[in-house]
Protein backbone atom coordinates (compact mmCIF):
# COMPACT_ATOMS: atom_id res chain seq x y z
CA MET A 1 -87.90 -47.52 102.71
CA ASP A 2 -86.30 -48.88 99.53
CA ARG A 3 -87.77 -46.84 96.67
CA PHE A 4 -87.40 -49.62 94.08
CA VAL A 5 -89.10 -52.15 96.37
CA SER A 6 -91.93 -49.65 96.80
CA LEU A 7 -92.22 -49.30 93.00
CA LYS A 8 -92.28 -53.08 92.62
CA ALA A 9 -94.94 -53.36 95.32
CA PHE A 10 -97.10 -50.72 93.65
CA VAL A 11 -96.82 -52.30 90.19
CA ALA A 12 -97.49 -55.77 91.62
CA VAL A 13 -100.59 -54.57 93.47
CA VAL A 14 -101.98 -52.97 90.32
CA ASN A 15 -101.14 -55.90 88.05
CA THR A 16 -102.45 -58.62 90.40
CA GLY A 17 -105.43 -56.60 91.63
CA SER A 18 -104.86 -57.27 95.32
CA PHE A 19 -102.45 -56.59 98.16
CA ALA A 20 -102.44 -60.25 99.18
CA ALA A 21 -101.46 -61.50 95.72
CA ALA A 22 -98.79 -58.82 95.36
CA ALA A 23 -97.34 -59.68 98.77
CA ALA A 24 -97.14 -63.37 97.85
CA LYS A 25 -95.47 -62.55 94.53
CA LEU A 26 -92.82 -60.35 96.16
CA GLY A 27 -92.29 -62.48 99.26
CA LEU A 28 -93.45 -59.69 101.57
CA SER A 29 -96.08 -59.58 104.25
CA ARG A 30 -99.41 -57.97 103.39
CA ALA A 31 -98.76 -55.32 106.01
CA MET A 32 -95.35 -54.47 104.55
CA THR A 33 -96.81 -54.26 101.05
CA THR A 34 -99.47 -51.86 102.30
CA LYS A 35 -96.78 -49.81 104.04
CA HIS A 36 -94.79 -49.47 100.79
CA ILE A 37 -97.85 -48.09 98.97
CA GLN A 38 -98.61 -45.67 101.80
CA THR A 39 -95.00 -44.45 101.79
CA LEU A 40 -95.15 -43.83 98.03
CA GLU A 41 -98.36 -41.83 98.38
CA GLU A 42 -96.92 -39.77 101.21
CA THR A 43 -93.72 -39.08 99.27
CA LEU A 44 -95.62 -38.08 96.15
CA GLY A 45 -98.31 -36.18 98.00
CA ALA A 46 -101.00 -37.88 95.94
CA ARG A 47 -103.35 -40.83 96.27
CA LEU A 48 -102.48 -43.60 93.82
CA LEU A 49 -105.19 -46.16 94.62
CA ASN A 50 -108.81 -45.97 95.69
CA ARG A 51 -109.42 -48.93 97.99
CA THR A 52 -112.69 -50.58 98.93
CA THR A 53 -113.30 -53.89 100.62
CA ARG A 54 -113.96 -55.49 97.21
CA ARG A 55 -111.77 -53.79 94.63
CA LEU A 56 -108.86 -51.51 93.88
CA ALA A 57 -108.98 -48.70 91.34
CA LEU A 58 -106.20 -46.45 90.09
CA THR A 59 -106.63 -42.73 90.46
CA GLU A 60 -105.69 -40.46 87.57
CA ALA A 61 -102.33 -39.82 89.23
CA GLY A 62 -102.00 -43.54 89.88
CA ARG A 63 -102.49 -44.43 86.18
CA ALA A 64 -99.74 -42.05 85.11
CA PHE A 65 -97.40 -43.21 87.87
CA HIS A 66 -98.08 -46.88 87.09
CA ALA A 67 -97.07 -46.45 83.45
CA ARG A 68 -93.85 -44.66 84.40
CA SER A 69 -93.08 -47.20 87.14
CA GLU A 70 -93.39 -50.12 84.73
CA ARG A 71 -90.95 -48.46 82.31
CA ILE A 72 -88.47 -47.74 85.11
CA LEU A 73 -88.57 -51.32 86.36
CA ALA A 74 -88.26 -52.69 82.82
CA ASP A 75 -85.21 -50.51 82.18
CA LEU A 76 -83.65 -51.70 85.44
CA GLU A 77 -84.31 -55.33 84.53
CA GLU A 78 -82.78 -54.83 81.09
CA ALA A 79 -79.68 -53.13 82.54
CA GLU A 80 -79.17 -55.93 85.05
CA ALA A 81 -79.63 -58.58 82.36
CA ALA A 82 -77.18 -56.86 80.03
CA VAL A 83 -74.49 -56.74 82.72
CA GLY A 84 -75.15 -60.37 83.55
CA ASP A 85 -74.87 -61.43 79.92
CA ALA A 86 -71.72 -59.37 79.38
CA THR A 87 -69.94 -61.24 82.18
CA ALA A 88 -71.52 -64.64 81.55
CA THR A 89 -69.72 -67.47 79.78
CA PRO A 90 -71.54 -68.11 76.48
CA LYS A 91 -72.93 -71.63 76.31
CA GLY A 92 -75.22 -73.74 74.17
CA LEU A 93 -76.03 -73.97 70.48
CA LEU A 94 -75.74 -70.91 68.23
CA ARG A 95 -77.50 -71.18 64.85
CA VAL A 96 -75.91 -68.91 62.23
CA ALA A 97 -77.09 -68.25 58.66
CA ALA A 98 -74.78 -66.75 56.03
CA PRO A 99 -74.36 -66.40 52.24
CA MET A 100 -72.60 -69.33 50.62
CA SER A 101 -69.49 -67.62 49.22
CA PHE A 102 -68.72 -65.48 52.26
CA GLY A 103 -69.32 -68.43 54.54
CA VAL A 104 -66.97 -70.73 52.67
CA LEU A 105 -64.24 -68.16 52.05
CA HIS A 106 -64.17 -66.30 55.36
CA LEU A 107 -66.73 -67.33 57.95
CA GLY A 108 -65.63 -70.94 58.33
CA THR A 109 -62.20 -70.09 59.72
CA ALA A 110 -63.67 -67.28 61.82
CA ILE A 111 -66.16 -69.68 63.44
CA ALA A 112 -63.39 -72.20 64.12
CA ASP A 113 -61.46 -69.49 65.98
CA PHE A 114 -64.62 -68.37 67.80
CA MET A 115 -65.23 -71.91 69.03
CA GLY A 116 -61.66 -72.03 70.31
CA ALA A 117 -62.33 -68.87 72.32
CA CYS A 118 -65.74 -70.14 73.54
CA PRO A 119 -65.29 -73.88 74.11
CA GLU A 120 -68.68 -74.32 75.83
CA MET A 121 -70.52 -73.30 72.66
CA ALA A 122 -71.64 -75.31 69.64
CA VAL A 123 -72.36 -73.68 66.27
CA GLU A 124 -74.65 -74.75 63.46
CA LEU A 125 -73.82 -72.85 60.27
CA LEU A 126 -76.48 -72.67 57.55
CA LEU A 127 -75.08 -71.51 54.20
CA ASN A 128 -77.63 -70.29 51.70
CA ASP A 129 -77.80 -67.34 49.33
CA ARG A 130 -81.51 -66.83 49.92
CA THR A 131 -82.77 -64.54 52.70
CA VAL A 132 -83.51 -66.70 55.73
CA ASP A 133 -86.47 -65.95 58.01
CA LEU A 134 -84.72 -65.86 61.37
CA ILE A 135 -87.81 -66.26 63.49
CA GLU A 136 -89.48 -68.99 61.46
CA GLU A 137 -86.28 -71.01 61.01
CA GLY A 138 -84.96 -70.58 64.54
CA VAL A 139 -81.77 -68.75 63.55
CA ASP A 140 -79.98 -66.76 66.25
CA VAL A 141 -77.95 -64.48 63.98
CA ALA A 142 -77.47 -64.06 60.23
CA VAL A 143 -74.70 -62.49 58.19
CA ARG A 144 -76.12 -60.36 55.38
CA ILE A 145 -74.35 -58.40 52.67
CA GLY A 146 -75.65 -55.32 50.88
CA ARG A 147 -78.17 -52.63 51.65
CA LEU A 148 -80.66 -54.02 54.12
CA ALA A 149 -84.39 -53.67 53.64
CA ASP A 150 -86.38 -52.12 56.46
CA SER A 151 -87.42 -54.77 58.98
CA SER A 152 -87.87 -55.36 62.69
CA LEU A 153 -84.47 -57.07 62.89
CA ILE A 154 -81.52 -55.47 64.66
CA ALA A 155 -78.50 -54.98 62.37
CA LYS A 156 -74.88 -54.30 63.33
CA ARG A 157 -72.33 -53.40 60.66
CA ILE A 158 -69.36 -55.74 61.03
CA ALA A 159 -67.31 -54.94 57.91
CA PRO A 160 -67.13 -52.79 54.80
CA ALA A 161 -67.73 -54.58 51.52
CA ARG A 162 -66.19 -53.00 48.46
CA MET A 163 -67.54 -53.98 45.09
CA THR A 164 -65.37 -54.24 42.01
CA VAL A 165 -66.04 -54.69 38.30
CA CYS A 166 -63.42 -56.95 36.84
CA ALA A 167 -62.44 -59.30 34.05
CA SER A 168 -59.49 -61.44 33.12
CA PRO A 169 -56.58 -59.79 31.24
CA GLU A 170 -57.29 -62.18 28.37
CA TYR A 171 -60.88 -60.96 28.07
CA VAL A 172 -59.71 -57.33 27.94
CA VAL A 173 -57.14 -58.20 25.27
CA ARG A 174 -59.81 -59.81 23.12
CA HIS A 175 -62.67 -57.36 23.66
CA GLY A 176 -61.12 -54.11 24.84
CA MET A 177 -61.35 -52.13 28.08
CA PRO A 178 -64.67 -50.29 28.67
CA ALA A 179 -64.13 -46.56 29.23
CA THR A 180 -67.56 -45.65 30.62
CA PRO A 181 -70.45 -47.56 32.22
CA GLU A 182 -72.38 -47.17 28.96
CA ASP A 183 -69.69 -49.22 27.20
CA LEU A 184 -70.74 -52.26 29.22
CA VAL A 185 -73.78 -52.78 26.99
CA LYS A 186 -71.33 -53.92 24.28
CA HIS A 187 -69.70 -56.49 26.56
CA ALA A 188 -70.45 -59.93 28.00
CA CYS A 189 -71.59 -59.15 31.54
CA LEU A 190 -71.99 -61.95 34.07
CA GLU A 191 -75.19 -61.45 36.05
CA TYR A 192 -75.82 -62.28 39.72
CA THR A 193 -79.53 -63.09 39.77
CA LEU A 194 -80.07 -62.39 43.49
CA ALA A 195 -78.82 -58.80 43.26
CA ALA A 196 -81.25 -56.23 44.64
CA ARG A 197 -81.01 -54.14 41.45
CA GLY A 198 -81.48 -57.07 39.12
CA GLN A 199 -79.77 -56.45 35.78
CA GLU A 200 -78.65 -52.92 36.70
CA TRP A 201 -75.10 -52.14 37.81
CA ALA A 202 -74.63 -48.92 39.79
CA PHE A 203 -71.56 -46.64 39.70
CA VAL A 204 -70.36 -43.32 41.12
CA ASP A 205 -67.74 -41.00 39.63
CA ALA A 206 -65.07 -38.97 41.43
CA GLU A 207 -67.60 -36.21 42.16
CA GLY A 208 -70.05 -38.68 43.69
CA ARG A 209 -72.49 -38.57 40.79
CA GLY A 210 -74.35 -41.82 40.30
CA LYS A 211 -75.07 -43.76 37.14
CA THR A 212 -76.76 -47.09 36.49
CA VAL A 213 -76.52 -49.22 33.39
CA ARG A 214 -78.57 -52.22 32.33
CA ILE A 215 -76.35 -55.19 31.51
CA ALA A 216 -76.75 -58.48 29.67
CA GLY A 217 -74.51 -61.42 28.93
CA PRO A 218 -74.04 -65.13 28.38
CA LEU A 219 -74.24 -66.31 32.00
CA LYS A 220 -76.60 -65.75 34.92
CA ALA A 221 -76.13 -67.43 38.30
CA ASN A 222 -77.33 -67.14 41.88
CA ASN A 223 -73.83 -67.74 43.24
CA GLY A 224 -70.88 -65.35 42.98
CA GLU A 225 -68.19 -68.03 42.82
CA VAL A 226 -69.71 -69.40 39.61
CA LEU A 227 -69.54 -65.92 38.06
CA MET A 228 -65.99 -65.40 39.27
CA ALA A 229 -64.92 -68.72 37.74
CA ALA A 230 -66.40 -67.60 34.43
CA ALA A 231 -64.59 -64.25 34.67
CA LEU A 232 -61.28 -66.00 35.40
CA ALA A 233 -61.87 -68.17 32.32
CA GLY A 234 -62.25 -65.06 30.18
CA ARG A 235 -65.99 -65.39 29.59
CA GLY A 236 -67.00 -61.88 30.62
CA ILE A 237 -67.05 -59.01 33.11
CA THR A 238 -68.38 -59.50 36.63
CA TYR A 239 -69.57 -57.10 39.38
CA ILE A 240 -68.40 -58.79 42.53
CA PRO A 241 -67.27 -58.12 46.15
CA THR A 242 -63.57 -57.81 46.82
CA PHE A 243 -63.87 -60.45 49.56
CA MET A 244 -64.11 -62.84 46.61
CA ALA A 245 -62.06 -61.12 43.92
CA GLY A 246 -59.30 -59.62 46.12
CA PRO A 247 -56.71 -62.44 45.84
CA HIS A 248 -57.25 -62.71 42.08
CA LEU A 249 -56.85 -58.95 41.64
CA ALA A 250 -53.68 -58.97 43.74
CA ALA A 251 -52.26 -61.84 41.68
CA GLY A 252 -53.20 -60.26 38.34
CA ARG A 253 -55.61 -63.02 37.37
CA LEU A 254 -58.35 -60.36 37.25
CA VAL A 255 -58.09 -56.65 36.41
CA ARG A 256 -60.40 -53.86 37.47
CA VAL A 257 -62.64 -52.38 34.81
CA LEU A 258 -63.63 -48.65 34.61
CA ALA A 259 -61.42 -47.80 37.61
CA PRO A 260 -60.60 -45.31 38.91
CA ALA A 261 -62.96 -43.00 36.98
CA TRP A 262 -66.05 -45.04 37.84
CA GLN A 263 -66.45 -47.05 41.02
CA PRO A 264 -69.23 -49.46 41.98
CA GLU A 265 -71.35 -48.39 44.92
CA ASP A 266 -69.91 -49.84 48.12
CA ILE A 267 -72.06 -51.94 50.41
CA ALA A 268 -71.49 -53.44 53.87
CA ILE A 269 -71.60 -56.70 55.79
CA PHE A 270 -74.01 -56.89 58.72
CA ALA A 271 -74.86 -59.25 61.55
CA VAL A 272 -78.62 -59.25 62.05
CA TYR A 273 -80.64 -60.79 64.85
CA PRO A 274 -84.21 -60.67 66.16
CA PRO A 275 -85.10 -57.86 68.57
CA THR A 276 -85.14 -58.93 72.23
CA ARG A 277 -85.24 -57.14 75.54
CA HIS A 278 -81.53 -57.97 75.85
CA LEU A 279 -79.04 -59.97 73.83
CA SER A 280 -78.08 -63.43 75.03
CA ALA A 281 -74.43 -63.88 75.95
CA LYS A 282 -73.82 -66.20 72.98
CA VAL A 283 -75.24 -63.81 70.36
CA ARG A 284 -73.54 -60.76 71.88
CA ARG A 285 -70.17 -62.50 72.01
CA PHE A 286 -70.44 -63.79 68.44
CA VAL A 287 -71.51 -60.45 66.95
CA ASP A 288 -68.71 -58.64 68.81
CA PHE A 289 -66.24 -61.29 67.63
CA LEU A 290 -67.22 -60.80 63.99
CA GLY A 291 -66.96 -57.01 64.35
CA ASP A 292 -63.41 -57.33 65.70
CA ARG A 293 -62.43 -60.01 63.18
CA PHE A 294 -63.52 -58.16 60.05
CA ALA A 295 -63.07 -54.52 61.10
CA THR A 296 -60.05 -54.25 58.76
CA PRO A 297 -60.74 -56.83 56.06
CA ALA A 298 -57.73 -58.88 55.00
CA TRP A 299 -59.14 -59.20 51.49
CA ASP A 300 -58.59 -55.47 50.88
CA ALA A 301 -55.13 -55.35 52.46
CA ALA A 302 -53.14 -56.40 49.38
CA ALA A 303 -52.44 -53.75 46.78
CA GLU A 304 -54.12 -54.36 43.46
CA PRO A 305 -51.52 -54.19 40.68
CA VAL A 306 -52.19 -52.09 37.63
CA VAL A 307 -52.24 -54.41 34.63
CA ARG A 308 -52.00 -52.85 31.19
CA PRO A 309 -53.46 -55.34 28.71
CA ALA A 310 -51.74 -55.94 25.42
CA LYS A 311 -52.96 -54.40 22.21
CA ARG A 312 -56.55 -55.34 21.43
CA ALA A 313 -56.88 -58.29 19.10
CA ALA A 314 -59.10 -58.17 16.05
CA GLY A 315 -62.47 -59.84 16.11
CA GLY A 316 -65.83 -59.73 17.89
CA ARG A 317 -66.49 -59.45 21.57
CA ARG A 318 -66.97 -63.20 22.14
């Protein structure tokens, strides 16, 4: 007899509490359901159920076998569902949450291309720099940047995210180039208020030794593009991802500060989604698409020119 059908019959009998109910659930006759249980017991050489005219009771062996059987059937169901989703055409609405700057600069065009590849899907993109509660707000997948806090969410790394400390050449001319992280306390630092470390900027040297420094400055904002605009205008030094600063570094509008002796700690870009028994086709396809799209980030492809600022001008730092 089919071993998996026998397992299903046994689990159904235990879970429904009767042979008749299990037979109806599986579309089998009561006699065939009974036969499957008897075959299992004969194969195992152990009684699984104690039967009376009024009730069924698991034996000790039956309790252990029931627990294992449920896990086996669940694994089989998950494997079948995963194969089905992998070959299925993704359809329906996909709700995506992402940080404002990354969404505007990079995710918009990626989603447009994704929709071209999956024409039966619709996407709702929610851009917000706060951390969205995926379950409460009905979000299928979120893009998050940085070091993730422990949670029940599933996270897949889709791209590296290099950080850079930079300023305009004009700022460096006026206020000088910091030589060490400690020098930053003398400079106008532009603070991202949603950073996990708050007012601390973290660095590592060539030997991998870490150092943090507490910064302060004339501007705080909860959006990186505001800080980058201030840096481009010569108002201070910013600690920012290269997916924002890359084109400006390549064009010489910004210059790296403290490099190469001291580097900011790198982070990563993740796709996160709620845990499920198996991923839906639309979430799986979108997460895989992002992983392929950003595996080699275009924003780090251009070489960053070395800009040697002119002789420091006299005067204060502002």
